[in-house]
Amino acid sequence: MADMADMNGQVALVTGGIRGIGMAICERLMNRGVRVAAGYSSNAEAARQFADKYADRGVSIHQGNIGRHDDCGRVIDEVLSQYGHLDILVNNAGITVDKTVRRMSWQEWDHVIHVNLSGAFYLSQGVLQTMLDRGYGRIINISSVIGSSGGFGQANYASAKSGLFGLTMSLALETAAKGITVNAVTPGYITTDMTAAVPADVMDKLIANIPVGRLGEPNEVARVVEFLADPESSYITGQVYPVNGGLYM
């Protein structure tokens, strides 16, 4: 059984953890005494810089394509081999390949579904046994406001992100009596590399539709993740927490 008094000594795997929202999540968890394993897909230099930046915090980095079942299994084995257990899984990594349905190839559909939805399933399934053995666990899926609202040219992304709602609630039902909680967080438009690539005129229109009148910050999403990962949040499971500035109510 994990120490319920604090998060000190717990272990978290955060996919897409070396930048943006994922990095903010890692930082907040580290500030609570959690030992963090950060997953990344391909940017080895950014991963090295992340590891160097937090070397004194005991972080580890793990490369893998979460759209592949075997990569997910290998990463989990690496984390368990290094730390001995795993208390928190944050399924944060995601990609976009935007095209209208009429123009989207089946490969572009599959690629986004595999990474954004199947990866969360592979990893969640992979960590269940160690969490069940300890009678404790926190699984947090990072979805998106687009999963609720849909998005023009984003049928693959929206389908994957809304699929996380069903995965979250189903797994929550299966594990509720086992000391494991499963919840989702749905960010709106957040200041990340992804939104930085949006043309200024398009961004102005997006912000005009956000009631609070600005983009969100990664730390505002990470704060909710930290709350759900806390041992004292044991009576919250199967829930979806929007962090979108009122964009979608």
C-alpha atoms as a PDB file:
ATOM      1  CA  MET A   1       0.000   0.000   0.000  1.00  0.00           C
ATOM      2  CA  ALA A   2       1.333   3.423  -0.942  1.00  0.00           C
ATOM      3  CA  ASP A   3       1.986   5.969   1.782  1.00  0.00           C
ATOM      4  CA  MET A   4      -1.333   7.801   2.015  1.00  0.00           C
ATOM      5  CA  ALA A   5       0.094  10.649   4.106  1.00  0.00           C
ATOM      6  CA  ASP A   6       1.924  12.318   1.246  1.00  0.00           C
ATOM      7  CA  MET A   7       3.181  11.844  -2.302  1.00  0.00           C
ATOM      8  CA  ASN A   8       6.799  11.655  -1.186  1.00  0.00           C
ATOM      9  CA  GLY A   9       8.437   8.612  -2.724  1.00  0.00           C
ATOM     10  CA  GLN A  10       5.659   7.876  -5.194  1.00  0.00           C
ATOM     11  CA  VAL A  11       6.574   7.193  -8.826  1.00  0.00           C
ATOM     12  CA  ALA A  12       4.861   8.741 -11.854  1.00  0.00           C
ATOM     13  CA  LEU A  13       5.122   8.032 -15.563  1.00  0.00           C
ATOM     14  CA  VAL A  14       4.174  11.100 -17.622  1.00  0.00           C
ATOM     15  CA  THR A  15       4.050  10.604 -21.375  1.00  0.00           C
ATOM     16  CA  GLY A  16       5.008  13.597 -23.481  1.00  0.00           C
ATOM     17  CA  GLY A  17       6.654  14.817 -20.311  1.00  0.00           C
ATOM     18  CA  ILE A  18       9.624  16.784 -21.649  1.00  0.00           C
ATOM     19  CA  ARG A  19       7.800  19.915 -22.831  1.00  0.00           C
ATOM     20  CA  GLY A  20       4.589  21.933 -22.632  1.00  0.00           C
ATOM     21  CA  ILE A  21       1.804  20.625 -20.437  1.00  0.00           C
ATOM     22  CA  GLY A  22       3.732  17.418 -19.762  1.00  0.00           C
ATOM     23  CA  MET A  23       6.742  19.269 -18.394  1.00  0.00           C
ATOM     24  CA  ALA A  24       4.504  21.404 -16.168  1.00  0.00           C
ATOM     25  CA  ILE A  25       2.906  18.218 -14.826  1.00  0.00           C
ATOM     26  CA  CYS A  26       6.324  16.715 -14.133  1.00  0.00           C
ATOM     27  CA  GLU A  27       7.418  19.860 -12.284  1.00  0.00           C
ATOM     28  CA  ARG A  28       4.340  19.965 -10.046  1.00  0.00           C
ATOM     29  CA  LEU A  29       4.649  16.288  -9.190  1.00  0.00           C
ATOM     30  CA  MET A  30       8.361  16.632  -8.455  1.00  0.00           C
ATOM     31  CA  ASN A  31       7.536  19.512  -6.112  1.00  0.00           C
ATOM     32  CA  ARG A  32       5.388  17.040  -4.165  1.00  0.00           C
ATOM     33  CA  GLY A  33       8.267  14.589  -3.796  1.00  0.00           C
ATOM     34  CA  VAL A  34       7.224  12.317  -6.649  1.00  0.00           C
ATOM     35  CA  ARG A  35       9.944  10.569  -8.635  1.00  0.00           C
ATOM     36  CA  VAL A  36       9.131  11.209 -12.275  1.00  0.00           C
ATOM     37  CA  ALA A  37       9.741   9.106 -15.368  1.00  0.00           C
ATOM     38  CA  ALA A  38       9.137  11.270 -18.448  1.00  0.00           C
ATOM     39  CA  GLY A  39       8.248   9.670 -21.743  1.00  0.00           C
ATOM     40  CA  TYR A  40       9.121  11.157 -25.131  1.00  0.00           C
ATOM     41  CA  SER A  41       8.895  10.006 -28.739  1.00  0.00           C
ATOM     42  CA  SER A  42      11.709  11.361 -30.898  1.00  0.00           C
ATOM     43  CA  ASN A  43      13.356  14.601 -29.726  1.00  0.00           C
ATOM     44  CA  ALA A  44      16.426  13.159 -28.053  1.00  0.00           C
ATOM     45  CA  GLU A  45      18.095  16.559 -27.596  1.00  0.00           C
ATOM     46  CA  ALA A  46      15.057  18.041 -25.805  1.00  0.00           C
ATOM     47  CA  ALA A  47      14.914  14.911 -23.653  1.00  0.00           C
ATOM     48  CA  ARG A  48      18.584  15.284 -22.722  1.00  0.00           C
ATOM     49  CA  GLN A  49      18.060  18.933 -21.807  1.00  0.00           C
ATOM     50  CA  PHE A  50      15.068  17.961 -19.669  1.00  0.00           C
ATOM     51  CA  ALA A  51      17.101  15.273 -17.888  1.00  0.00           C
ATOM     52  CA  ASP A  52      19.983  17.698 -17.286  1.00  0.00           C
ATOM     53  CA  LYS A  53      17.646  20.406 -15.978  1.00  0.00           C
ATOM     54  CA  TYR A  54      16.127  18.100 -13.381  1.00  0.00           C
ATOM     55  CA  ALA A  55      19.110  15.854 -12.713  1.00  0.00           C
ATOM     56  CA  ASP A  56      19.057  16.735  -9.017  1.00  0.00           C
ATOM     57  CA  ARG A  57      15.390  15.696  -8.804  1.00  0.00           C
ATOM     58  CA  GLY A  58      16.013  12.076  -9.768  1.00  0.00           C
ATOM     59  CA  VAL A  59      14.085  12.108 -13.051  1.00  0.00           C
ATOM     60  CA  SER A  60      14.460   9.534 -15.784  1.00  0.00           C
ATOM     61  CA  ILE A  61      13.602   9.744 -19.491  1.00  0.00           C
ATOM     62  CA  HIS A  62      12.159   6.947 -21.614  1.00  0.00           C
ATOM     63  CA  GLN A  63      11.876   6.942 -25.404  1.00  0.00           C
ATOM     64  CA  GLY A  64       9.007   5.175 -27.094  1.00  0.00           C
ATOM     65  CA  ASN A  65       6.182   5.428 -29.596  1.00  0.00           C
ATOM     66  CA  ILE A  66       3.057   5.026 -27.486  1.00  0.00           C
ATOM     67  CA  GLY A  67       1.099   4.130 -30.604  1.00  0.00           C
ATOM     68  CA  ARG A  68       2.954   0.796 -30.473  1.00  0.00           C
ATOM     69  CA  HIS A  69       1.948  -1.816 -27.924  1.00  0.00           C
ATOM     70  CA  ASP A  70       5.468  -3.247 -27.642  1.00  0.00           C
ATOM     71  CA  ASP A  71       7.005   0.188 -27.000  1.00  0.00           C
ATOM     72  CA  CYS A  72       4.485   0.831 -24.217  1.00  0.00           C
ATOM     73  CA  GLY A  73       5.326  -2.471 -22.582  1.00  0.00           C
ATOM     74  CA  ARG A  74       9.043  -1.802 -22.798  1.00  0.00           C
ATOM     75  CA  VAL A  75       8.739   1.664 -21.243  1.00  0.00           C
ATOM     76  CA  ILE A  76       6.672   0.302 -18.348  1.00  0.00           C
ATOM     77  CA  ASP A  77       9.261  -2.447 -17.802  1.00  0.00           C
ATOM     78  CA  GLU A  78      12.023   0.188 -17.752  1.00  0.00           C
ATOM     79  CA  VAL A  79      10.202   2.261 -15.133  1.00  0.00           C
ATOM     80  CA  LEU A  80       9.417  -0.727 -12.928  1.00  0.00           C
ATOM     81  CA  SER A  81      12.986  -1.986 -13.234  1.00  0.00           C
ATOM     82  CA  GLN A  82      14.371   1.388 -12.182  1.00  0.00           C
ATOM     83  CA  TYR A  83      11.922   2.315  -9.413  1.00  0.00           C
ATOM     84  CA  GLY A  84      10.325  -0.962  -8.350  1.00  0.00           C
ATOM     85  CA  HIS A  85       6.746   0.298  -8.543  1.00  0.00           C
ATOM     86  CA  LEU A  86       4.516   2.821 -10.288  1.00  0.00           C
ATOM     87  CA  ASP A  87       1.820   4.854  -8.518  1.00  0.00           C
ATOM     88  CA  ILE A  88       0.734   7.474 -11.087  1.00  0.00           C
ATOM     89  CA  LEU A  89       0.236   7.278 -14.838  1.00  0.00           C
ATOM     90  CA  VAL A  90      -0.454  10.475 -16.784  1.00  0.00           C
ATOM     91  CA  ASN A  91      -1.412   9.781 -20.407  1.00  0.00           C
ATOM     92  CA  ASN A  92      -0.485  13.194 -21.765  1.00  0.00           C
ATOM     93  CA  ALA A  93       1.262  12.589 -25.107  1.00  0.00           C
ATOM     94  CA  GLY A  94      -0.683  13.377 -28.243  1.00  0.00           C
ATOM     95  CA  ILE A  95      -0.348  14.400 -31.872  1.00  0.00           C
ATOM     96  CA  THR A  96      -2.407  16.153 -34.529  1.00  0.00           C
ATOM     97  CA  VAL A  97      -2.677  15.465 -38.247  1.00  0.00           C
ATOM     98  CA  ASP A  98      -5.421  17.825 -39.395  1.00  0.00           C
ATOM     99  CA  LYS A  99      -7.411  17.327 -42.599  1.00  0.00           C
ATOM    100  CA  THR A 100     -11.071  17.277 -43.476  1.00  0.00           C
ATOM    101  CA  VAL A 101     -12.697  13.863 -43.518  1.00  0.00           C
ATOM    102  CA  ARG A 102     -12.933  14.008 -47.310  1.00  0.00           C
ATOM    103  CA  ARG A 103      -9.166  14.458 -47.640  1.00  0.00           C
ATOM    104  CA  MET A 104      -7.879  12.461 -44.668  1.00  0.00           C
ATOM    105  CA  SER A 105      -6.098   9.209 -45.518  1.00  0.00           C
ATOM    106  CA  TRP A 106      -6.722   6.092 -43.497  1.00  0.00           C
ATOM    107  CA  GLN A 107      -3.062   6.206 -42.444  1.00  0.00           C
ATOM    108  CA  GLU A 108      -3.563   9.708 -40.995  1.00  0.00           C
ATOM    109  CA  TRP A 109      -6.669   8.511 -39.188  1.00  0.00           C
ATOM    110  CA  ASP A 110      -4.928   5.427 -37.783  1.00  0.00           C
ATOM    111  CA  HIS A 111      -1.799   7.290 -36.729  1.00  0.00           C
ATOM    112  CA  VAL A 112      -3.673   9.775 -34.532  1.00  0.00           C
ATOM    113  CA  ILE A 113      -6.021   7.133 -33.096  1.00  0.00           C
ATOM    114  CA  HIS A 114      -3.111   4.830 -32.253  1.00  0.00           C
ATOM    115  CA  VAL A 115      -1.092   7.519 -30.447  1.00  0.00           C
ATOM    116  CA  ASN A 116      -3.862   9.516 -28.785  1.00  0.00           C
ATOM    117  CA  LEU A 117      -6.239   6.727 -27.784  1.00  0.00           C
ATOM    118  CA  SER A 118      -4.709   3.282 -28.178  1.00  0.00           C
ATOM    119  CA  GLY A 119      -1.539   4.427 -26.413  1.00  0.00           C
ATOM    120  CA  ALA A 120      -3.545   5.411 -23.333  1.00  0.00           C
ATOM    121  CA  PHE A 121      -5.173   1.966 -23.378  1.00  0.00           C
ATOM    122  CA  TYR A 122      -1.857   0.119 -23.801  1.00  0.00           C
ATOM    123  CA  LEU A 123      -0.209   2.011 -20.946  1.00  0.00           C
ATOM    124  CA  SER A 124      -3.205   1.873 -18.615  1.00  0.00           C
ATOM    125  CA  GLN A 125      -3.533  -1.862 -19.159  1.00  0.00           C
ATOM    126  CA  GLY A 126       0.208  -2.273 -18.685  1.00  0.00           C
ATOM    127  CA  VAL A 127       0.340  -0.551 -15.271  1.00  0.00           C
ATOM    128  CA  LEU A 128      -2.770  -2.157 -13.811  1.00  0.00           C
ATOM    129  CA  GLN A 129      -1.119  -5.211 -12.306  1.00  0.00           C
ATOM    130  CA  THR A 130       1.495  -3.293 -10.318  1.00  0.00           C
ATOM    131  CA  MET A 131      -1.205  -0.897  -9.073  1.00  0.00           C
ATOM    132  CA  LEU A 132      -3.520  -3.773  -8.158  1.00  0.00           C
ATOM    133  CA  ASP A 133      -0.695  -5.527  -6.307  1.00  0.00           C
ATOM    134  CA  ARG A 134      -0.155  -2.411  -4.172  1.00  0.00           C
ATOM    135  CA  GLY A 135      -3.842  -1.585  -3.820  1.00  0.00           C
ATOM    136  CA  TYR A 136      -3.236   1.963  -5.006  1.00  0.00           C
ATOM    137  CA  GLY A 137      -2.993   3.940  -8.232  1.00  0.00           C
ATOM    138  CA  ARG A 138      -3.834   7.117 -10.070  1.00  0.00           C
ATOM    139  CA  ILE A 139      -4.452   7.153 -13.838  1.00  0.00           C
ATOM    140  CA  ILE A 140      -5.079  10.553 -15.437  1.00  0.00           C
ATOM    141  CA  ASN A 141      -5.881  10.930 -19.122  1.00  0.00           C
ATOM    142  CA  ILE A 142      -5.257  14.272 -20.817  1.00  0.00           C
ATOM    143  CA  SER A 143      -8.053  14.759 -23.344  1.00  0.00           C
ATOM    144  CA  SER A 144      -9.015  18.047 -25.026  1.00  0.00           C
ATOM    145  CA  VAL A 145     -11.898  20.460 -25.381  1.00  0.00           C
ATOM    146  CA  ILE A 146     -12.003  19.249 -28.994  1.00  0.00           C
ATOM    147  CA  GLY A 147     -13.150  15.880 -27.679  1.00  0.00           C
ATOM    148  CA  SER A 148     -16.311  17.616 -26.465  1.00  0.00           C
ATOM    149  CA  SER A 149     -16.864  20.211 -29.161  1.00  0.00           C
ATOM    150  CA  GLY A 150     -15.400  18.578 -32.260  1.00  0.00           C
ATOM    151  CA  GLY A 151     -13.015  20.444 -34.499  1.00  0.00           C
ATOM    152  CA  PHE A 152     -13.022  21.360 -38.180  1.00  0.00           C
ATOM    153  CA  GLY A 153     -10.487  19.142 -39.915  1.00  0.00           C
ATOM    154  CA  GLN A 154      -9.877  17.212 -36.705  1.00  0.00           C
ATOM    155  CA  ALA A 155     -12.113  14.150 -36.946  1.00  0.00           C
ATOM    156  CA  ASN A 156      -9.235  11.848 -35.987  1.00  0.00           C
ATOM    157  CA  TYR A 157      -8.088  14.005 -33.064  1.00  0.00           C
ATOM    158  CA  ALA A 158     -11.618  14.673 -31.779  1.00  0.00           C
ATOM    159  CA  SER A 159     -12.539  10.991 -32.006  1.00  0.00           C
ATOM    160  CA  ALA A 160      -9.445   9.945 -30.072  1.00  0.00           C
ATOM    161  CA  LYS A 161      -9.895  12.604 -27.400  1.00  0.00           C
ATOM    162  CA  SER A 162     -13.587  11.841 -26.901  1.00  0.00           C
ATOM    163  CA  GLY A 163     -12.685   8.161 -26.841  1.00  0.00           C
ATOM    164  CA  LEU A 164     -10.595   8.897 -23.767  1.00  0.00           C
ATOM    165  CA  PHE A 165     -13.829   9.793 -21.936  1.00  0.00           C
ATOM    166  CA  GLY A 166     -15.192   6.302 -22.482  1.00  0.00           C
ATOM    167  CA  LEU A 167     -11.878   4.687 -21.564  1.00  0.00           C
ATOM    168  CA  THR A 168     -11.673   6.797 -18.400  1.00  0.00           C
ATOM    169  CA  MET A 169     -15.162   5.949 -17.172  1.00  0.00           C
ATOM    170  CA  SER A 170     -14.983   2.254 -18.059  1.00  0.00           C
ATOM    171  CA  LEU A 171     -11.619   1.730 -16.380  1.00  0.00           C
ATOM    172  CA  ALA A 172     -12.789   3.762 -13.379  1.00  0.00           C
ATOM    173  CA  LEU A 173     -15.708   1.359 -12.930  1.00  0.00           C
ATOM    174  CA  GLU A 174     -13.405  -1.650 -13.160  1.00  0.00           C
ATOM    175  CA  THR A 175     -10.924  -0.342 -10.586  1.00  0.00           C
ATOM    176  CA  ALA A 176     -13.002   1.758  -8.170  1.00  0.00           C
ATOM    177  CA  ALA A 177     -12.996  -0.907  -5.458  1.00  0.00           C
ATOM    178  CA  LYS A 178      -9.268  -1.588  -5.885  1.00  0.00           C
ATOM    179  CA  GLY A 179      -7.793   1.671  -4.582  1.00  0.00           C
ATOM    180  CA  ILE A 180      -7.250   3.001  -8.119  1.00  0.00           C
ATOM    181  CA  THR A 181      -8.848   6.167  -9.492  1.00  0.00           C
ATOM    182  CA  VAL A 182      -9.119   7.051 -13.172  1.00  0.00           C
ATOM    183  CA  ASN A 183      -9.966  10.581 -14.308  1.00  0.00           C
ATOM    184  CA  ALA A 184      -9.582  12.850 -17.327  1.00  0.00           C
ATOM    185  CA  VAL A 185      -8.566  16.475 -17.790  1.00  0.00           C
ATOM    186  CA  THR A 186      -9.676  18.375 -20.898  1.00  0.00           C
ATOM    187  CA  PRO A 187      -7.539  21.433 -21.641  1.00  0.00           C
ATOM    188  CA  GLY A 188      -8.736  24.163 -23.955  1.00  0.00           C
ATOM    189  CA  TYR A 189      -6.259  26.314 -25.863  1.00  0.00           C
ATOM    190  CA  ILE A 190      -3.038  26.367 -23.837  1.00  0.00           C
ATOM    191  CA  THR A 191       0.238  28.210 -24.475  1.00  0.00           C
ATOM    192  CA  THR A 192       2.331  25.397 -25.966  1.00  0.00           C
ATOM    193  CA  ASP A 193       4.396  24.689 -29.087  1.00  0.00           C
ATOM    194  CA  MET A 194       1.192  23.504 -30.750  1.00  0.00           C
ATOM    195  CA  THR A 195      -0.669  26.789 -30.278  1.00  0.00           C
ATOM    196  CA  ALA A 196       2.484  28.806 -31.061  1.00  0.00           C
ATOM    197  CA  ALA A 197       2.283  27.430 -34.610  1.00  0.00           C
ATOM    198  CA  VAL A 198      -1.220  28.843 -35.138  1.00  0.00           C
ATOM    199  CA  PRO A 199      -1.240  31.965 -37.375  1.00  0.00           C
ATOM    200  CA  ALA A 200      -1.787  35.219 -35.462  1.00  0.00           C
ATOM    201  CA  ASP A 201      -5.074  36.081 -37.169  1.00  0.00           C
ATOM    202  CA  VAL A 202      -6.484  32.649 -36.425  1.00  0.00           C
ATOM    203  CA  MET A 203      -5.302  32.857 -32.829  1.00  0.00           C
ATOM    204  CA  ASP A 204      -6.981  36.249 -32.381  1.00  0.00           C
ATOM    205  CA  LYS A 205     -10.292  34.705 -33.456  1.00  0.00           C
ATOM    206  CA  LEU A 206      -9.801  31.774 -31.078  1.00  0.00           C
ATOM    207  CA  ILE A 207      -9.066  34.038 -28.118  1.00  0.00           C
ATOM    208  CA  ALA A 208     -12.115  36.174 -28.947  1.00  0.00           C
ATOM    209  CA  ASN A 209     -14.267  33.087 -28.285  1.00  0.00           C
ATOM    210  CA  ILE A 210     -12.696  32.316 -24.897  1.00  0.00           C
ATOM    211  CA  PRO A 211     -14.736  33.968 -22.119  1.00  0.00           C
ATOM    212  CA  VAL A 212     -11.711  34.681 -19.910  1.00  0.00           C
ATOM    213  CA  GLY A 213     -10.046  36.366 -22.898  1.00  0.00           C
ATOM    214  CA  ARG A 214      -6.704  34.559 -23.004  1.00  0.00           C
ATOM    215  CA  LEU A 215      -4.941  31.262 -23.551  1.00  0.00           C
ATOM    216  CA  GLY A 216      -4.387  28.992 -20.594  1.00  0.00           C
ATOM    217  CA  GLU A 217      -0.968  28.237 -19.136  1.00  0.00           C
ATOM    218  CA  PRO A 218       0.461  24.699 -18.858  1.00  0.00           C
ATOM    219  CA  ASN A 219       0.710  25.070 -15.085  1.00  0.00           C
ATOM    220  CA  GLU A 220      -3.053  25.641 -14.879  1.00  0.00           C
ATOM    221  CA  VAL A 221      -3.615  22.209 -16.367  1.00  0.00           C
ATOM    222  CA  ALA A 222      -0.859  20.661 -14.256  1.00  0.00           C
ATOM    223  CA  ARG A 223      -2.493  21.982 -11.078  1.00  0.00           C
ATOM    224  CA  VAL A 224      -5.617  19.917 -11.773  1.00  0.00           C
ATOM    225  CA  VAL A 225      -3.516  16.843 -12.554  1.00  0.00           C
ATOM    226  CA  GLU A 226      -1.674  17.258  -9.254  1.00  0.00           C
ATOM    227  CA  PHE A 227      -5.013  17.497  -7.433  1.00  0.00           C
ATOM    228  CA  LEU A 228      -6.305  14.294  -9.022  1.00  0.00           C
ATOM    229  CA  ALA A 229      -3.010  12.498  -8.363  1.00  0.00           C
ATOM    230  CA  ASP A 230      -3.081  13.382  -4.669  1.00  0.00           C
ATOM    231  CA  PRO A 231      -3.760  10.469  -2.286  1.00  0.00           C
ATOM    232  CA  GLU A 232      -6.516  12.537  -0.673  1.00  0.00           C
ATOM    233  CA  SER A 233      -8.470  12.603  -3.953  1.00  0.00           C
ATOM    234  CA  SER A 234      -9.472   8.978  -3.422  1.00  0.00           C
ATOM    235  CA  TYR A 235     -13.235   9.585  -3.726  1.00  0.00           C
ATOM    236  CA  ILE A 236     -12.970  11.118  -7.210  1.00  0.00           C
ATOM    237  CA  THR A 237     -13.025   8.685 -10.119  1.00  0.00           C
ATOM    238  CA  GLY A 238     -14.520   8.458 -13.582  1.00  0.00           C
ATOM    239  CA  GLN A 239     -14.716  12.245 -13.878  1.00  0.00           C
ATOM    240  CA  VAL A 240     -13.788  14.747 -16.584  1.00  0.00           C
ATOM    241  CA  TYR A 241     -12.288  18.097 -15.541  1.00  0.00           C
ATOM    242  CA  PRO A 242     -12.368  20.905 -18.148  1.00  0.00           C
ATOM    243  CA  VAL A 243      -9.613  23.553 -18.039  1.00  0.00           C
ATOM    244  CA  ASN A 244     -10.661  25.798 -20.904  1.00  0.00           C
ATOM    245  CA  GLY A 245     -11.388  29.335 -19.681  1.00  0.00           C
ATOM    246  CA  GLY A 246     -15.107  28.824 -20.262  1.00  0.00           C
ATOM    247  CA  LEU A 247     -14.656  28.037 -23.962  1.00  0.00           C
ATOM    248  CA  TYR A 248     -16.978  25.033 -23.767  1.00  0.00           C
ATOM    249  CA  MET A 249     -19.567  24.781 -20.988  1.00  0.00           C
END
